[in-house]
Amino acid sequence: MSEQNMVRKIQSGDRLAMNELICKYYQPVFAFFYKNVGNYHQAKDLTQEVFMKMAAGISKYRPKTPFKNWLFTIASNHLKNYYRTISRRPENYELFEDYPAPDNEVDKILILSDTQAALTRLPIEQKEAVILRFYYGFSIHDISKITNAKESTVKARIRYGLEKLKNELEGYDE
Protein backbone atom coordinates (compact mmCIF):
# COMPACT_ATOMS: atom_id res chain seq x y z
CA MET A 1 0.00 0.00 0.00
CA SER A 2 1.38 3.45 -0.89
CA GLU A 3 2.06 6.01 1.81
CA GLN A 4 -0.62 8.27 0.39
CA ASN A 5 -3.18 5.46 0.70
CA MET A 6 -2.01 4.74 4.25
CA VAL A 7 -2.38 8.41 5.17
CA ARG A 8 -5.90 8.50 3.71
CA LYS A 9 -6.80 5.40 5.74
CA ILE A 10 -5.31 6.95 8.87
CA GLN A 11 -7.26 10.14 8.27
CA SER A 12 -10.35 7.94 8.08
CA GLY A 13 -9.53 6.39 11.46
CA ASP A 14 -7.63 3.22 10.50
CA ARG A 15 -5.33 2.45 13.45
CA LEU A 16 -3.60 -0.46 11.70
CA ALA A 17 -2.46 1.85 8.93
CA MET A 18 -1.11 4.22 11.59
CA ASN A 19 0.86 1.37 13.18
CA GLU A 20 2.21 0.35 9.78
CA LEU A 21 3.39 3.89 9.03
CA ILE A 22 5.00 4.25 12.45
CA CYS A 23 6.79 0.90 12.04
CA LYS A 24 8.11 2.00 8.66
CA TYR A 25 9.58 5.26 9.94
CA TYR A 26 10.40 4.59 13.59
CA GLN A 27 13.99 3.46 13.04
CA PRO A 28 14.92 6.27 10.59
CA VAL A 29 13.48 8.94 12.90
CA PHE A 30 15.18 7.39 15.94
CA ALA A 31 18.50 7.29 14.05
CA PHE A 32 18.07 10.95 13.06
CA PHE A 33 17.73 11.94 16.71
CA TYR A 34 20.45 9.58 17.92
CA LYS A 35 22.91 10.95 15.39
CA ASN A 36 22.02 14.47 16.46
CA VAL A 37 21.93 14.19 20.26
CA GLY A 38 24.29 11.25 20.79
CA ASN A 39 22.18 9.88 23.62
CA TYR A 40 20.24 6.64 23.17
CA HIS A 41 17.55 7.31 25.75
CA GLN A 42 17.01 10.94 24.77
CA ALA A 43 16.73 9.89 21.11
CA LYS A 44 14.05 7.36 22.10
CA ASP A 45 12.10 10.06 23.96
CA LEU A 46 12.35 12.54 21.10
CA THR A 47 11.25 9.88 18.62
CA GLN A 48 8.17 9.05 20.68
CA GLU A 49 7.29 12.73 20.92
CA VAL A 50 7.57 13.18 17.15
CA PHE A 51 5.23 10.27 16.49
CA MET A 52 2.73 11.72 18.95
CA LYS A 53 2.93 15.02 17.04
CA MET A 54 2.58 13.16 13.77
CA ALA A 55 -0.52 11.35 15.02
CA ALA A 56 -2.03 14.59 16.29
CA GLY A 57 -1.35 16.46 13.06
CA ILE A 58 -1.87 13.84 10.38
CA SER A 59 -5.39 15.07 9.69
CA LYS A 60 -3.77 18.29 8.39
CA TYR A 61 -1.28 16.52 6.14
CA ARG A 62 -1.83 17.11 2.43
CA PRO A 63 0.05 15.09 -0.21
CA LYS A 64 1.64 18.13 -1.90
CA THR A 65 4.95 17.06 -0.30
CA PRO A 66 6.17 13.51 0.28
CA PHE A 67 5.15 12.09 3.64
CA LYS A 68 8.79 11.40 4.58
CA ASN A 69 9.63 15.09 4.08
CA TRP A 70 6.63 16.14 6.18
CA LEU A 71 7.63 13.76 8.98
CA PHE A 72 11.26 14.89 8.97
CA THR A 73 10.12 18.52 9.05
CA ILE A 74 8.29 17.69 12.28
CA ALA A 75 11.43 15.94 13.57
CA SER A 76 13.69 18.85 12.59
CA ASN A 77 11.42 21.38 14.30
CA HIS A 78 11.20 19.17 17.38
CA LEU A 79 15.01 18.91 17.50
CA LYS A 80 15.31 22.71 17.34
CA ASN A 81 12.81 23.04 20.19
CA TYR A 82 14.75 20.47 22.20
CA TYR A 83 18.02 22.39 21.77
CA ARG A 84 16.27 25.65 22.62
CA THR A 85 14.94 24.10 25.82
CA ILE A 86 18.27 22.69 26.96
CA SER A 87 20.07 25.94 26.21
CA ARG A 88 17.70 27.73 28.62
CA ARG A 89 18.06 25.16 31.41
CA PRO A 90 21.34 23.30 30.89
CA GLU A 91 21.46 22.12 34.49
CA ASN A 92 18.38 19.95 33.87
CA TYR A 93 19.52 18.30 30.66
CA GLU A 94 22.53 16.35 29.56
CA LEU A 95 23.18 15.80 25.86
CA PHE A 96 25.79 13.09 26.24
CA GLU A 97 24.99 11.17 29.39
CA ASP A 98 26.81 7.90 29.93
CA TYR A 99 24.19 5.18 29.76
CA PRO A 100 24.96 1.52 29.42
CA ALA A 101 25.18 0.46 25.80
CA PRO A 102 21.93 -0.93 24.40
CA ASP A 103 21.57 -4.62 23.59
CA ASN A 104 20.93 -4.04 19.88
CA GLU A 105 24.11 -4.74 17.89
CA VAL A 106 23.41 -1.98 15.38
CA ASP A 107 23.09 0.55 18.18
CA LYS A 108 26.36 -0.68 19.74
CA ILE A 109 28.14 -0.06 16.45
CA LEU A 110 26.70 3.45 16.27
CA ILE A 111 27.78 4.22 19.81
CA LEU A 112 31.34 3.00 19.23
CA SER A 113 31.77 4.63 15.84
CA ASP A 114 34.42 7.32 15.50
CA THR A 115 32.32 8.96 12.82
CA GLN A 116 29.35 9.11 15.17
CA ALA A 117 31.45 10.66 17.90
CA ALA A 118 32.83 13.26 15.52
CA LEU A 119 29.36 13.96 14.16
CA THR A 120 27.96 14.71 17.60
CA ARG A 121 30.56 17.45 18.04
CA LEU A 122 29.48 19.41 14.96
CA PRO A 123 27.45 22.58 15.42
CA ILE A 124 23.73 21.77 15.48
CA GLU A 125 22.85 23.19 12.05
CA GLN A 126 25.79 21.51 10.30
CA LYS A 127 25.11 18.19 11.99
CA GLU A 128 21.44 18.23 11.02
CA ALA A 129 22.19 19.11 7.37
CA VAL A 130 24.90 16.43 7.06
CA ILE A 131 22.66 13.78 8.60
CA LEU A 132 19.67 14.62 6.40
CA ARG A 133 21.85 14.64 3.26
CA PHE A 134 24.10 11.64 3.75
CA TYR A 135 22.16 9.34 6.06
CA TYR A 136 18.72 9.96 4.58
CA GLY A 137 19.52 11.07 1.03
CA PHE A 138 17.42 14.23 1.08
CA SER A 139 18.22 16.72 -1.68
CA ILE A 140 19.54 20.19 -0.89
CA HIS A 141 16.13 21.56 -1.89
CA ASP A 142 14.31 19.17 0.47
CA ILE A 143 16.69 19.96 3.34
CA SER A 144 16.10 23.67 2.82
CA LYS A 145 12.35 23.06 3.12
CA ILE A 146 12.70 20.75 6.14
CA THR A 147 15.02 23.10 8.04
CA ASN A 148 13.49 26.35 6.75
CA ALA A 149 16.87 27.59 5.49
CA LYS A 150 18.02 28.87 2.09
CA GLU A 151 19.58 26.31 -0.25
CA SER A 152 22.88 28.22 -0.22
CA THR A 153 22.86 28.07 3.58
CA VAL A 154 22.23 24.31 3.50
CA LYS A 155 25.12 23.82 1.04
CA ALA A 156 27.45 25.86 3.27
CA ARG A 157 26.39 23.93 6.39
CA ILE A 158 27.10 20.64 4.65
CA ARG A 159 30.44 21.83 3.26
CA TYR A 160 31.69 23.19 6.60
CA GLY A 161 30.36 20.16 8.46
CA LEU A 162 32.17 17.77 6.13
CA GLU A 163 35.40 19.77 6.45
CA LYS A 164 35.21 19.60 10.24
CA LEU A 165 34.46 15.88 10.16
CA LYS A 166 37.37 15.24 7.81
CA ASN A 167 39.77 17.22 9.99
CA GLU A 168 38.63 15.55 13.16
CA LEU A 169 38.71 12.03 11.72
CA GLU A 170 42.22 12.69 10.38
CA GLY A 171 43.27 13.76 13.87
CA TYR A 172 43.50 17.51 13.29
CA ASP A 173 41.94 19.88 15.78
CA GLU A 174 40.87 23.36 14.80
C-alpha atoms as a PDB file:
ATOM      1  CA  MET A   1       0.000   0.000   0.000  1.00  0.00           C
ATOM      2  CA  SER A   2       1.376   3.449  -0.886  1.00  0.00           C
ATOM      3  CA  GLU A   3       2.063   6.006   1.809  1.00  0.00           C
ATOM      4  CA  GLN A   4      -0.622   8.274   0.389  1.00  0.00           C
ATOM      5  CA  ASN A   5      -3.179   5.461   0.699  1.00  0.00           C
ATOM      6  CA  MET A   6      -2.010   4.739   4.247  1.00  0.00           C
ATOM      7  CA  VAL A   7      -2.383   8.408   5.165  1.00  0.00           C
ATOM      8  CA  ARG A   8      -5.900   8.496   3.709  1.00  0.00           C
ATOM      9  CA  LYS A   9      -6.797   5.401   5.742  1.00  0.00           C
ATOM     10  CA  ILE A  10      -5.306   6.950   8.874  1.00  0.00           C
ATOM     11  CA  GLN A  11      -7.256  10.136   8.271  1.00  0.00           C
ATOM     12  CA  SER A  12     -10.354   7.936   8.077  1.00  0.00           C
ATOM     13  CA  GLY A  13      -9.530   6.393  11.465  1.00  0.00           C
ATOM     14  CA  ASP A  14      -7.633   3.218  10.497  1.00  0.00           C
ATOM     15  CA  ARG A  15      -5.328   2.454  13.446  1.00  0.00           C
ATOM     16  CA  LEU A  16      -3.603  -0.462  11.701  1.00  0.00           C
ATOM     17  CA  ALA A  17      -2.459   1.853   8.926  1.00  0.00           C
ATOM     18  CA  MET A  18      -1.112   4.222  11.590  1.00  0.00           C
ATOM     19  CA  ASN A  19       0.864   1.371  13.182  1.00  0.00           C
ATOM     20  CA  GLU A  20       2.212   0.349   9.782  1.00  0.00           C
ATOM     21  CA  LEU A  21       3.394   3.885   9.026  1.00  0.00           C
ATOM     22  CA  ILE A  22       5.001   4.250  12.448  1.00  0.00           C
ATOM     23  CA  CYS A  23       6.792   0.900  12.038  1.00  0.00           C
ATOM     24  CA  LYS A  24       8.109   2.000   8.655  1.00  0.00           C
ATOM     25  CA  TYR A  25       9.583   5.262   9.941  1.00  0.00           C
ATOM     26  CA  TYR A  26      10.401   4.587  13.591  1.00  0.00           C
ATOM     27  CA  GLN A  27      13.991   3.461  13.043  1.00  0.00           C
ATOM     28  CA  PRO A  28      14.925   6.267  10.589  1.00  0.00           C
ATOM     29  CA  VAL A  29      13.479   8.937  12.903  1.00  0.00           C
ATOM     30  CA  PHE A  30      15.182   7.394  15.939  1.00  0.00           C
ATOM     31  CA  ALA A  31      18.496   7.293  14.051  1.00  0.00           C
ATOM     32  CA  PHE A  32      18.065  10.949  13.063  1.00  0.00           C
ATOM     33  CA  PHE A  33      17.725  11.941  16.712  1.00  0.00           C
ATOM     34  CA  TYR A  34      20.447   9.584  17.920  1.00  0.00           C
ATOM     35  CA  LYS A  35      22.909  10.947  15.390  1.00  0.00           C
ATOM     36  CA  ASN A  36      22.023  14.474  16.458  1.00  0.00           C
ATOM     37  CA  VAL A  37      21.934  14.194  20.260  1.00  0.00           C
ATOM     38  CA  GLY A  38      24.286  11.252  20.788  1.00  0.00           C
ATOM     39  CA  ASN A  39      22.180   9.876  23.619  1.00  0.00           C
ATOM     40  CA  TYR A  40      20.244   6.643  23.170  1.00  0.00           C
ATOM     41  CA  HIS A  41      17.549   7.310  25.748  1.00  0.00           C
ATOM     42  CA  GLN A  42      17.005  10.939  24.769  1.00  0.00           C
ATOM     43  CA  ALA A  43      16.725   9.888  21.114  1.00  0.00           C
ATOM     44  CA  LYS A  44      14.046   7.358  22.102  1.00  0.00           C
ATOM     45  CA  ASP A  45      12.099  10.056  23.956  1.00  0.00           C
ATOM     46  CA  LEU A  46      12.352  12.544  21.095  1.00  0.00           C
ATOM     47  CA  THR A  47      11.251   9.880  18.621  1.00  0.00           C
ATOM     48  CA  GLN A  48       8.175   9.050  20.677  1.00  0.00           C
ATOM     49  CA  GLU A  49       7.294  12.726  20.917  1.00  0.00           C
ATOM     50  CA  VAL A  50       7.567  13.180  17.147  1.00  0.00           C
ATOM     51  CA  PHE A  51       5.231  10.274  16.485  1.00  0.00           C
ATOM     52  CA  MET A  52       2.733  11.718  18.945  1.00  0.00           C
ATOM     53  CA  LYS A  53       2.934  15.025  17.040  1.00  0.00           C
ATOM     54  CA  MET A  54       2.580  13.158  13.765  1.00  0.00           C
ATOM     55  CA  ALA A  55      -0.523  11.348  15.019  1.00  0.00           C
ATOM     56  CA  ALA A  56      -2.034  14.589  16.294  1.00  0.00           C
ATOM     57  CA  GLY A  57      -1.348  16.462  13.059  1.00  0.00           C
ATOM     58  CA  ILE A  58      -1.872  13.841  10.383  1.00  0.00           C
ATOM     59  CA  SER A  59      -5.394  15.072   9.689  1.00  0.00           C
ATOM     60  CA  LYS A  60      -3.773  18.291   8.395  1.00  0.00           C
ATOM     61  CA  TYR A  61      -1.275  16.521   6.135  1.00  0.00           C
ATOM     62  CA  ARG A  62      -1.829  17.112   2.431  1.00  0.00           C
ATOM     63  CA  PRO A  63       0.050  15.095  -0.208  1.00  0.00           C
ATOM     64  CA  LYS A  64       1.636  18.133  -1.901  1.00  0.00           C
ATOM     65  CA  THR A  65       4.951  17.065  -0.298  1.00  0.00           C
ATOM     66  CA  PRO A  66       6.168  13.514   0.277  1.00  0.00           C
ATOM     67  CA  PHE A  67       5.148  12.089   3.643  1.00  0.00           C
ATOM     68  CA  LYS A  68       8.789  11.400   4.581  1.00  0.00           C
ATOM     69  CA  ASN A  69       9.631  15.091   4.079  1.00  0.00           C
ATOM     70  CA  TRP A  70       6.629  16.142   6.177  1.00  0.00           C
ATOM     71  CA  LEU A  71       7.625  13.760   8.980  1.00  0.00           C
ATOM     72  CA  PHE A  72      11.261  14.895   8.972  1.00  0.00           C
ATOM     73  CA  THR A  73      10.116  18.519   9.048  1.00  0.00           C
ATOM     74  CA  ILE A  74       8.293  17.687  12.278  1.00  0.00           C
ATOM     75  CA  ALA A  75      11.432  15.936  13.566  1.00  0.00           C
ATOM     76  CA  SER A  76      13.686  18.852  12.594  1.00  0.00           C
ATOM     77  CA  ASN A  77      11.422  21.376  14.299  1.00  0.00           C
ATOM     78  CA  HIS A  78      11.204  19.169  17.385  1.00  0.00           C
ATOM     79  CA  LEU A  79      15.006  18.914  17.499  1.00  0.00           C
ATOM     80  CA  LYS A  80      15.306  22.708  17.342  1.00  0.00           C
ATOM     81  CA  ASN A  81      12.808  23.044  20.185  1.00  0.00           C
ATOM     82  CA  TYR A  82      14.753  20.473  22.201  1.00  0.00           C
ATOM     83  CA  TYR A  83      18.021  22.386  21.766  1.00  0.00           C
ATOM     84  CA  ARG A  84      16.269  25.654  22.621  1.00  0.00           C
ATOM     85  CA  THR A  85      14.936  24.101  25.817  1.00  0.00           C
ATOM     86  CA  ILE A  86      18.267  22.686  26.961  1.00  0.00           C
ATOM     87  CA  SER A  87      20.065  25.936  26.214  1.00  0.00           C
ATOM     88  CA  ARG A  88      17.703  27.726  28.620  1.00  0.00           C
ATOM     89  CA  ARG A  89      18.060  25.161  31.405  1.00  0.00           C
ATOM     90  CA  PRO A  90      21.338  23.300  30.889  1.00  0.00           C
ATOM     91  CA  GLU A  91      21.465  22.119  34.493  1.00  0.00           C
ATOM     92  CA  ASN A  92      18.382  19.954  33.874  1.00  0.00           C
ATOM     93  CA  TYR A  93      19.523  18.300  30.658  1.00  0.00           C
ATOM     94  CA  GLU A  94      22.526  16.349  29.558  1.00  0.00           C
ATOM     95  CA  LEU A  95      23.177  15.798  25.863  1.00  0.00           C
ATOM     96  CA  PHE A  96      25.785  13.095  26.238  1.00  0.00           C
ATOM     97  CA  GLU A  97      24.991  11.167  29.388  1.00  0.00           C
ATOM     98  CA  ASP A  98      26.815   7.904  29.931  1.00  0.00           C
ATOM     99  CA  TYR A  99      24.191   5.179  29.761  1.00  0.00           C
ATOM    100  CA  PRO A 100      24.964   1.515  29.416  1.00  0.00           C
ATOM    101  CA  ALA A 101      25.177   0.463  25.805  1.00  0.00           C
ATOM    102  CA  PRO A 102      21.934  -0.928  24.404  1.00  0.00           C
ATOM    103  CA  ASP A 103      21.574  -4.620  23.593  1.00  0.00           C
ATOM    104  CA  ASN A 104      20.932  -4.042  19.884  1.00  0.00           C
ATOM    105  CA  GLU A 105      24.114  -4.739  17.885  1.00  0.00           C
ATOM    106  CA  VAL A 106      23.414  -1.979  15.377  1.00  0.00           C
ATOM    107  CA  ASP A 107      23.094   0.554  18.183  1.00  0.00           C
ATOM    108  CA  LYS A 108      26.363  -0.682  19.743  1.00  0.00           C
ATOM    109  CA  ILE A 109      28.140  -0.060  16.447  1.00  0.00           C
ATOM    110  CA  LEU A 110      26.695   3.454  16.268  1.00  0.00           C
ATOM    111  CA  ILE A 111      27.782   4.224  19.814  1.00  0.00           C
ATOM    112  CA  LEU A 112      31.340   3.001  19.228  1.00  0.00           C
ATOM    113  CA  SER A 113      31.772   4.631  15.836  1.00  0.00           C
ATOM    114  CA  ASP A 114      34.424   7.322  15.496  1.00  0.00           C
ATOM    115  CA  THR A 115      32.321   8.956  12.824  1.00  0.00           C
ATOM    116  CA  GLN A 116      29.347   9.110  15.170  1.00  0.00           C
ATOM    117  CA  ALA A 117      31.446  10.659  17.901  1.00  0.00           C
ATOM    118  CA  ALA A 118      32.830  13.265  15.516  1.00  0.00           C
ATOM    119  CA  LEU A 119      29.364  13.960  14.157  1.00  0.00           C
ATOM    120  CA  THR A 120      27.957  14.707  17.602  1.00  0.00           C
ATOM    121  CA  ARG A 121      30.564  17.454  18.042  1.00  0.00           C
ATOM    122  CA  LEU A 122      29.483  19.406  14.959  1.00  0.00           C
ATOM    123  CA  PRO A 123      27.454  22.577  15.418  1.00  0.00           C
ATOM    124  CA  ILE A 124      23.731  21.772  15.480  1.00  0.00           C
ATOM    125  CA  GLU A 125      22.849  23.188  12.053  1.00  0.00           C
ATOM    126  CA  GLN A 126      25.788  21.508  10.302  1.00  0.00           C
ATOM    127  CA  LYS A 127      25.105  18.186  11.993  1.00  0.00           C
ATOM    128  CA  GLU A 128      21.439  18.229  11.015  1.00  0.00           C
ATOM    129  CA  ALA A 129      22.193  19.112   7.373  1.00  0.00           C
ATOM    130  CA  VAL A 130      24.901  16.435   7.059  1.00  0.00           C
ATOM    131  CA  ILE A 131      22.655  13.782   8.602  1.00  0.00           C
ATOM    132  CA  LEU A 132      19.674  14.623   6.399  1.00  0.00           C
ATOM    133  CA  ARG A 133      21.853  14.645   3.264  1.00  0.00           C
ATOM    134  CA  PHE A 134      24.101  11.642   3.753  1.00  0.00           C
ATOM    135  CA  TYR A 135      22.165   9.336   6.064  1.00  0.00           C
ATOM    136  CA  TYR A 136      18.723   9.957   4.581  1.00  0.00           C
ATOM    137  CA  GLY A 137      19.525  11.066   1.033  1.00  0.00           C
ATOM    138  CA  PHE A 138      17.422  14.226   1.083  1.00  0.00           C
ATOM    139  CA  SER A 139      18.222  16.721  -1.678  1.00  0.00           C
ATOM    140  CA  ILE A 140      19.542  20.187  -0.889  1.00  0.00           C
ATOM    141  CA  HIS A 141      16.131  21.557  -1.887  1.00  0.00           C
ATOM    142  CA  ASP A 142      14.312  19.169   0.468  1.00  0.00           C
ATOM    143  CA  ILE A 143      16.689  19.959   3.337  1.00  0.00           C
ATOM    144  CA  SER A 144      16.101  23.670   2.819  1.00  0.00           C
ATOM    145  CA  LYS A 145      12.346  23.064   3.121  1.00  0.00           C
ATOM    146  CA  ILE A 146      12.704  20.755   6.141  1.00  0.00           C
ATOM    147  CA  THR A 147      15.016  23.102   8.037  1.00  0.00           C
ATOM    148  CA  ASN A 148      13.488  26.353   6.750  1.00  0.00           C
ATOM    149  CA  ALA A 149      16.866  27.591   5.486  1.00  0.00           C
ATOM    150  CA  LYS A 150      18.019  28.870   2.091  1.00  0.00           C
ATOM    151  CA  GLU A 151      19.581  26.311  -0.248  1.00  0.00           C
ATOM    152  CA  SER A 152      22.879  28.220  -0.225  1.00  0.00           C
ATOM    153  CA  THR A 153      22.862  28.069   3.579  1.00  0.00           C
ATOM    154  CA  VAL A 154      22.232  24.311   3.505  1.00  0.00           C
ATOM    155  CA  LYS A 155      25.117  23.822   1.044  1.00  0.00           C
ATOM    156  CA  ALA A 156      27.447  25.858   3.269  1.00  0.00           C
ATOM    157  CA  ARG A 157      26.389  23.935   6.389  1.00  0.00           C
ATOM    158  CA  ILE A 158      27.097  20.644   4.653  1.00  0.00           C
ATOM    159  CA  ARG A 159      30.444  21.828   3.258  1.00  0.00           C
ATOM    160  CA  TYR A 160      31.688  23.190   6.596  1.00  0.00           C
ATOM    161  CA  GLY A 161      30.358  20.163   8.461  1.00  0.00           C
ATOM    162  CA  LEU A 162      32.173  17.767   6.135  1.00  0.00           C
ATOM    163  CA  GLU A 163      35.398  19.770   6.445  1.00  0.00           C
ATOM    164  CA  LYS A 164      35.206  19.600  10.236  1.00  0.00           C
ATOM    165  CA  LEU A 165      34.456  15.879  10.156  1.00  0.00           C
ATOM    166  CA  LYS A 166      37.366  15.242   7.814  1.00  0.00           C
ATOM    167  CA  ASN A 167      39.767  17.222   9.989  1.00  0.00           C
ATOM    168  CA  GLU A 168      38.631  15.547  13.160  1.00  0.00           C
ATOM    169  CA  LEU A 169      38.714  12.034  11.721  1.00  0.00           C
ATOM    170  CA  GLU A 170      42.221  12.685  10.380  1.00  0.00           C
ATOM    171  CA  GLY A 171      43.272  13.757  13.871  1.00  0.00           C
ATOM    172  CA  TYR A 172      43.497  17.507  13.289  1.00  0.00           C
ATOM    173  CA  ASP A 173      41.937  19.883  15.781  1.00  0.00           C
ATOM    174  CA  GLU A 174      40.870  23.361  14.799  1.00  0.00           C
END
